[in-house]
Amino acid sequence: MSAAEPVTDGTFEEAVLQSDIPVLVDFWAPWCGPCRMVSPVVDEIAQQYDGQVKVVKLNTDDNPNVASQYGIRSIPTLMIFKGGDRVDMVVGAVPKTTLANTLEKYL
């Protein structure tokens, strides 16, 4: 069973941009209620797509550089990266089906 792994400003490029498989990045912060709601969904996605999709979490409070680089204005924001490029994003706490359907397009 895999859950989302934390990434930082320092590890983002290697973990996300250089990944061989699509990456789902959960931009979140500890004080954010909707982020806590979507967290178990993100972990379920990590388990369901283990080996097909890498799932990571980035705490926007601790890692402002990446968050500002991608223009994160509201959290939770879930971004999908493929081949080093941002290919899609979902803003807000969404149902698992919405997230899964968005991801399926890039597998």
Protein backbone atom coordinates (compact mmCIF):
# COMPACT_ATOMS: atom_id res chain seq x y z
CA MET A 1 0.00 0.00 0.00
CA SER A 2 1.42 3.31 -0.97
CA ALA A 3 0.33 6.71 0.18
CA ALA A 4 1.24 10.12 -1.17
CA GLU A 5 4.85 11.01 -0.43
CA PRO A 6 5.88 14.52 0.61
CA VAL A 7 7.96 16.64 -1.76
CA THR A 8 9.65 19.99 -1.16
CA ASP A 9 10.97 22.93 -3.16
CA GLY A 10 14.27 21.03 -3.15
CA THR A 11 12.98 17.65 -4.34
CA PHE A 12 10.16 18.76 -6.66
CA GLU A 13 12.14 18.77 -9.89
CA GLU A 14 13.55 15.29 -9.42
CA ALA A 15 10.39 13.72 -7.95
CA VAL A 16 7.87 15.35 -10.29
CA LEU A 17 9.41 16.90 -13.39
CA GLN A 18 11.87 14.07 -14.04
CA SER A 19 9.41 11.25 -13.29
CA ASP A 20 9.00 8.52 -15.93
CA ILE A 21 5.30 8.19 -15.11
CA PRO A 22 2.55 10.80 -14.63
CA VAL A 23 2.60 12.56 -11.25
CA LEU A 24 -0.34 13.85 -9.24
CA VAL A 25 0.73 16.70 -6.96
CA ASP A 26 -1.49 17.65 -4.04
CA PHE A 27 -0.77 21.27 -3.05
CA TRP A 28 -2.01 21.58 0.53
CA ALA A 29 -1.43 23.20 3.93
CA PRO A 30 -2.07 21.92 7.47
CA TRP A 31 -4.60 24.68 8.32
CA CYS A 32 -6.74 23.99 5.23
CA GLY A 33 -9.99 22.13 5.99
CA PRO A 34 -10.79 21.06 2.40
CA CYS A 35 -7.19 19.80 2.11
CA ARG A 36 -7.83 17.44 5.02
CA MET A 37 -11.04 16.28 3.33
CA VAL A 38 -9.29 15.46 0.06
CA SER A 39 -6.23 13.84 1.69
CA PRO A 40 -7.74 10.33 2.10
CA VAL A 41 -8.97 10.49 -1.51
CA VAL A 42 -5.45 11.32 -2.68
CA ASP A 43 -4.07 8.38 -0.67
CA GLU A 44 -6.70 6.06 -2.20
CA ILE A 45 -5.68 7.24 -5.68
CA ALA A 46 -2.04 6.51 -4.76
CA GLN A 47 -2.98 2.94 -3.86
CA GLN A 48 -5.32 2.39 -6.81
CA TYR A 49 -2.80 3.62 -9.38
CA ASP A 50 0.33 2.31 -7.67
CA GLY A 51 3.00 1.86 -10.34
CA GLN A 52 1.06 3.86 -12.94
CA VAL A 53 0.98 7.25 -11.26
CA LYS A 54 3.26 8.79 -8.67
CA VAL A 55 1.32 10.71 -6.02
CA VAL A 56 3.03 13.42 -3.98
CA LYS A 57 2.00 16.18 -1.58
CA LEU A 58 3.55 19.63 -1.36
CA ASN A 59 2.97 21.74 1.75
CA THR A 60 2.56 25.25 0.32
CA ASP A 61 3.40 26.91 3.65
CA ASP A 62 6.79 25.20 3.83
CA ASN A 63 7.51 25.29 0.09
CA PRO A 64 6.40 28.65 -1.31
CA ASN A 65 8.71 28.59 -4.36
CA VAL A 66 7.05 25.74 -6.24
CA ALA A 67 3.59 26.96 -5.22
CA SER A 68 4.24 30.44 -6.60
CA GLN A 69 5.98 29.04 -9.71
CA TYR A 70 2.74 27.26 -10.61
CA GLY A 71 0.47 30.11 -9.54
CA ILE A 72 -1.27 28.27 -6.73
CA ARG A 73 -3.91 30.69 -5.43
CA SER A 74 -6.28 28.37 -3.65
CA ILE A 75 -5.77 25.02 -2.03
CA PRO A 76 -6.27 22.18 -2.32
CA THR A 77 -5.04 22.26 -5.90
CA LEU A 78 -4.27 18.93 -7.53
CA MET A 79 -2.01 19.11 -10.57
CA ILE A 80 -1.11 16.38 -13.00
CA PHE A 81 2.34 16.44 -14.54
CA LYS A 82 3.48 14.27 -17.41
CA GLY A 83 6.91 14.38 -19.00
CA GLY A 84 7.84 17.41 -16.92
CA ASP A 85 4.84 19.47 -18.02
CA ARG A 86 1.68 20.39 -16.16
CA VAL A 87 -1.08 18.77 -18.21
CA ASP A 88 -4.13 19.26 -16.02
CA MET A 89 -5.37 20.53 -12.69
CA VAL A 90 -8.31 20.20 -10.35
CA VAL A 91 -9.00 22.88 -7.74
CA GLY A 92 -10.87 22.17 -4.54
CA ALA A 93 -11.95 19.06 -2.69
CA VAL A 94 -13.36 16.84 -5.44
CA PRO A 95 -14.85 13.34 -5.30
CA LYS A 96 -12.53 10.43 -6.04
CA THR A 97 -14.34 9.69 -9.32
CA THR A 98 -13.60 13.19 -10.63
CA LEU A 99 -9.93 12.83 -9.79
CA ALA A 100 -9.70 9.31 -11.21
CA ASN A 101 -11.42 10.33 -14.46
CA THR A 102 -9.03 13.26 -14.87
CA LEU A 103 -6.03 11.01 -14.27
CA GLU A 104 -7.22 8.29 -16.65
CA LYS A 105 -6.72 10.66 -19.59
CA TYR A 106 -2.96 10.63 -19.04
CA LEU A 107 -2.27 6.94 -18.43
